[in-house]
Amino acid sequence: MGRAIIMHIDDAPWIRGGPRGEGDHPDGGGQLVGDLEQGPWVHVNWLPGGLVAPVHSHDHDEIMYVLEGGFSMGRRRCGPGTVVYLEANTQYGFEVWDEGVRFLNIRQGRATYAEAGEEAVDPYSEPAAD
């Protein structure tokens, strides 16, 4: 039998950082509509103004949809209403505009993260204990 998930994005649980304006979250925050293990993987992210996402890739296709604010990918400005589609393993980076950005990030699986020239990591795994 199938399943349905119906949730307002503001009600999605925080899986990284926390709400903008509440607490210290220098790298922003992320919520997840879905289930981290089973999907769907609809991320609701916010990033602070001036943040530079280094060139990186993921092992799944992704769709980004800008809700508020924006970022630049090279010379391309991506503001509210912009849709960005990236195939798996596409190298990209971006710079967040001064006002910050809030966007949806939709993937078909639990994606790894790999900065250019580095090994891929699971960004959701617990850090190794020393």
C-alpha atoms as a PDB file:
ATOM      1  CA  MET A   1       0.000   0.000   0.000  1.00  0.00           C
ATOM      2  CA  GLY A   2       1.224   3.509  -0.774  1.00  0.00           C
ATOM      3  CA  ARG A   3       1.766   6.355   1.616  1.00  0.00           C
ATOM      4  CA  ALA A   4       1.183  10.076   1.544  1.00  0.00           C
ATOM      5  CA  ILE A   5       3.045  12.818   3.359  1.00  0.00           C
ATOM      6  CA  ILE A   6       1.290  16.166   3.578  1.00  0.00           C
ATOM      7  CA  MET A   7       3.125  18.830   5.520  1.00  0.00           C
ATOM      8  CA  HIS A   8       3.556  22.595   5.430  1.00  0.00           C
ATOM      9  CA  ILE A   9       7.244  23.401   4.991  1.00  0.00           C
ATOM     10  CA  ASP A  10       7.260  25.572   8.130  1.00  0.00           C
ATOM     11  CA  ASP A  11       6.245  22.495  10.162  1.00  0.00           C
ATOM     12  CA  ALA A  12       9.021  20.232   8.850  1.00  0.00           C
ATOM     13  CA  PRO A  13      11.471  19.024  11.538  1.00  0.00           C
ATOM     14  CA  TRP A  14      14.950  20.580  11.697  1.00  0.00           C
ATOM     15  CA  ILE A  15      17.749  18.175  10.755  1.00  0.00           C
ATOM     16  CA  ARG A  16      20.532  20.779  10.521  1.00  0.00           C
ATOM     17  CA  GLY A  17      20.976  24.096  12.319  1.00  0.00           C
ATOM     18  CA  GLY A  18      17.748  25.835  13.251  1.00  0.00           C
ATOM     19  CA  PRO A  19      15.361  28.667  12.425  1.00  0.00           C
ATOM     20  CA  ARG A  20      16.701  31.928  11.036  1.00  0.00           C
ATOM     21  CA  GLY A  21      16.891  34.537  13.788  1.00  0.00           C
ATOM     22  CA  GLU A  22      16.714  31.945  16.573  1.00  0.00           C
ATOM     23  CA  GLY A  23      20.061  30.931  18.052  1.00  0.00           C
ATOM     24  CA  ASP A  24      23.502  30.770  16.486  1.00  0.00           C
ATOM     25  CA  HIS A  25      23.420  28.996  13.111  1.00  0.00           C
ATOM     26  CA  PRO A  26      26.332  30.398  11.055  1.00  0.00           C
ATOM     27  CA  ASP A  27      25.796  27.809   8.300  1.00  0.00           C
ATOM     28  CA  GLY A  28      22.025  28.229   8.175  1.00  0.00           C
ATOM     29  CA  GLY A  29      19.519  25.491   8.732  1.00  0.00           C
ATOM     30  CA  GLY A  30      17.681  22.674   7.050  1.00  0.00           C
ATOM     31  CA  GLN A  31      14.341  20.979   7.504  1.00  0.00           C
ATOM     32  CA  LEU A  32      13.154  17.732   5.935  1.00  0.00           C
ATOM     33  CA  VAL A  33       9.716  16.925   4.592  1.00  0.00           C
ATOM     34  CA  GLY A  34       9.810  13.144   4.450  1.00  0.00           C
ATOM     35  CA  ASP A  35      11.952  10.508   6.081  1.00  0.00           C
ATOM     36  CA  LEU A  36      15.756  10.628   6.031  1.00  0.00           C
ATOM     37  CA  GLU A  37      16.015   6.864   5.445  1.00  0.00           C
ATOM     38  CA  GLN A  38      12.988   6.147   3.225  1.00  0.00           C
ATOM     39  CA  GLY A  39      12.298   9.477   1.517  1.00  0.00           C
ATOM     40  CA  PRO A  40      10.972  11.535   0.063  1.00  0.00           C
ATOM     41  CA  TRP A  41      13.902  13.902   0.322  1.00  0.00           C
ATOM     42  CA  VAL A  42      12.408  17.385   0.185  1.00  0.00           C
ATOM     43  CA  HIS A  43      14.767  19.701   2.044  1.00  0.00           C
ATOM     44  CA  VAL A  44      13.794  23.223   3.097  1.00  0.00           C
ATOM     45  CA  ASN A  45      17.060  25.117   3.514  1.00  0.00           C
ATOM     46  CA  TRP A  46      18.025  28.619   4.510  1.00  0.00           C
ATOM     47  CA  LEU A  47      21.526  30.005   4.225  1.00  0.00           C
ATOM     48  CA  PRO A  48      22.857  33.313   5.565  1.00  0.00           C
ATOM     49  CA  GLY A  49      23.876  36.210   3.351  1.00  0.00           C
ATOM     50  CA  GLY A  50      27.410  36.070   2.005  1.00  0.00           C
ATOM     51  CA  LEU A  51      27.831  32.319   2.501  1.00  0.00           C
ATOM     52  CA  VAL A  52      29.871  30.735  -0.287  1.00  0.00           C
ATOM     53  CA  ALA A  53      29.059  27.113  -1.036  1.00  0.00           C
ATOM     54  CA  PRO A  54      32.298  25.595  -2.360  1.00  0.00           C
ATOM     55  CA  VAL A  55      32.345  23.645  -5.612  1.00  0.00           C
ATOM     56  CA  HIS A  56      30.818  20.269  -4.769  1.00  0.00           C
ATOM     57  CA  SER A  57      28.568  17.503  -6.096  1.00  0.00           C
ATOM     58  CA  HIS A  58      26.003  14.958  -4.933  1.00  0.00           C
ATOM     59  CA  ASP A  59      25.410  11.391  -6.101  1.00  0.00           C
ATOM     60  CA  HIS A  60      21.727  12.018  -6.929  1.00  0.00           C
ATOM     61  CA  ASP A  61      19.984  14.391  -9.312  1.00  0.00           C
ATOM     62  CA  GLU A  62      18.543  17.412  -7.549  1.00  0.00           C
ATOM     63  CA  ILE A  63      16.096  20.211  -8.110  1.00  0.00           C
ATOM     64  CA  MET A  64      16.458  23.493  -6.261  1.00  0.00           C
ATOM     65  CA  TYR A  65      13.553  25.965  -6.092  1.00  0.00           C
ATOM     66  CA  VAL A  66      14.253  29.417  -4.642  1.00  0.00           C
ATOM     67  CA  LEU A  67      11.540  30.635  -2.245  1.00  0.00           C
ATOM     68  CA  GLU A  68      13.095  33.825  -0.805  1.00  0.00           C
ATOM     69  CA  GLY A  69      16.305  35.779  -1.370  1.00  0.00           C
ATOM     70  CA  GLY A  70      18.721  34.172  -3.750  1.00  0.00           C
ATOM     71  CA  PHE A  71      22.187  33.101  -4.806  1.00  0.00           C
ATOM     72  CA  SER A  72      24.479  33.421  -7.789  1.00  0.00           C
ATOM     73  CA  MET A  73      25.960  30.508  -9.708  1.00  0.00           C
ATOM     74  CA  GLY A  74      28.723  32.098 -11.724  1.00  0.00           C
ATOM     75  CA  ARG A  75      27.113  34.999 -13.616  1.00  0.00           C
ATOM     76  CA  ARG A  76      23.601  33.550 -13.233  1.00  0.00           C
ATOM     77  CA  ARG A  77      21.414  35.169 -10.554  1.00  0.00           C
ATOM     78  CA  CYS A  78      18.848  32.821  -9.033  1.00  0.00           C
ATOM     79  CA  GLY A  79      16.071  34.662  -7.187  1.00  0.00           C
ATOM     80  CA  PRO A  80      12.552  33.728  -6.046  1.00  0.00           C
ATOM     81  CA  GLY A  81      10.824  31.406  -8.500  1.00  0.00           C
ATOM     82  CA  THR A  82      14.076  30.124 -10.050  1.00  0.00           C
ATOM     83  CA  VAL A  83      14.326  26.382 -10.643  1.00  0.00           C
ATOM     84  CA  VAL A  84      17.791  24.810 -10.903  1.00  0.00           C
ATOM     85  CA  TYR A  85      18.137  21.193 -12.077  1.00  0.00           C
ATOM     86  CA  LEU A  86      21.474  19.426 -11.564  1.00  0.00           C
ATOM     87  CA  GLU A  87      22.263  15.885 -12.667  1.00  0.00           C
ATOM     88  CA  ALA A  88      24.062  13.581 -10.255  1.00  0.00           C
ATOM     89  CA  ASN A  89      27.797  14.286  -9.930  1.00  0.00           C
ATOM     90  CA  THR A  90      27.538  17.767 -11.474  1.00  0.00           C
ATOM     91  CA  GLN A  91      30.135  20.053  -9.893  1.00  0.00           C
ATOM     92  CA  TYR A  92      28.676  23.391  -8.789  1.00  0.00           C
ATOM     93  CA  GLY A  93      28.992  26.097  -6.168  1.00  0.00           C
ATOM     94  CA  PHE A  94      27.182  29.336  -5.416  1.00  0.00           C
ATOM     95  CA  GLU A  95      27.316  32.564  -3.427  1.00  0.00           C
ATOM     96  CA  VAL A  96      24.338  33.595  -1.320  1.00  0.00           C
ATOM     97  CA  TRP A  97      23.038  37.135  -1.783  1.00  0.00           C
ATOM     98  CA  ASP A  98      23.323  39.587   1.115  1.00  0.00           C
ATOM     99  CA  GLU A  99      19.717  38.983   2.241  1.00  0.00           C
ATOM    100  CA  GLY A 100      20.256  35.219   2.453  1.00  0.00           C
ATOM    101  CA  VAL A 101      18.262  32.526   0.694  1.00  0.00           C
ATOM    102  CA  ARG A 102      15.521  30.023   1.472  1.00  0.00           C
ATOM    103  CA  PHE A 103      15.025  27.226  -1.041  1.00  0.00           C
ATOM    104  CA  LEU A 104      13.627  23.758  -1.562  1.00  0.00           C
ATOM    105  CA  ASN A 105      16.055  21.016  -2.524  1.00  0.00           C
ATOM    106  CA  ILE A 106      14.437  17.857  -3.884  1.00  0.00           C
ATOM    107  CA  ARG A 107      16.322  14.613  -4.476  1.00  0.00           C
ATOM    108  CA  GLN A 108      15.364  11.028  -5.281  1.00  0.00           C
ATOM    109  CA  GLY A 109      17.616   9.562  -2.615  1.00  0.00           C
ATOM    110  CA  ARG A 110      19.750  10.238   0.435  1.00  0.00           C
ATOM    111  CA  ALA A 111      22.625  12.000  -1.290  1.00  0.00           C
ATOM    112  CA  THR A 112      26.294  12.135  -0.441  1.00  0.00           C
ATOM    113  CA  TYR A 113      28.293  15.387  -0.520  1.00  0.00           C
ATOM    114  CA  ALA A 114      31.723  15.697  -2.144  1.00  0.00           C
ATOM    115  CA  GLU A 115      33.755  18.876  -2.405  1.00  0.00           C
ATOM    116  CA  ALA A 116      35.857  19.087  -5.556  1.00  0.00           C
ATOM    117  CA  GLY A 117      38.774  16.652  -5.307  1.00  0.00           C
ATOM    118  CA  GLU A 118      37.585  15.124  -2.023  1.00  0.00           C
ATOM    119  CA  GLU A 119      35.947  11.819  -1.090  1.00  0.00           C
ATOM    120  CA  ALA A 120      32.166  11.758  -0.813  1.00  0.00           C
ATOM    121  CA  VAL A 121      30.688  11.799   2.683  1.00  0.00           C
ATOM    122  CA  ASP A 122      27.243  11.235   4.148  1.00  0.00           C
ATOM    123  CA  PRO A 123      26.346  14.685   5.507  1.00  0.00           C
ATOM    124  CA  TYR A 124      23.739  13.138   7.826  1.00  0.00           C
ATOM    125  CA  SER A 125      25.945  10.596   9.581  1.00  0.00           C
ATOM    126  CA  GLU A 126      27.149  11.204  13.112  1.00  0.00           C
ATOM    127  CA  PRO A 127      30.747  12.487  13.351  1.00  0.00           C
ATOM    128  CA  ALA A 128      33.287   9.818  14.321  1.00  0.00           C
ATOM    129  CA  ALA A 129      34.167   9.731  18.016  1.00  0.00           C
ATOM    130  CA  ASP A 130      37.790  10.509  18.924  1.00  0.00           C
END
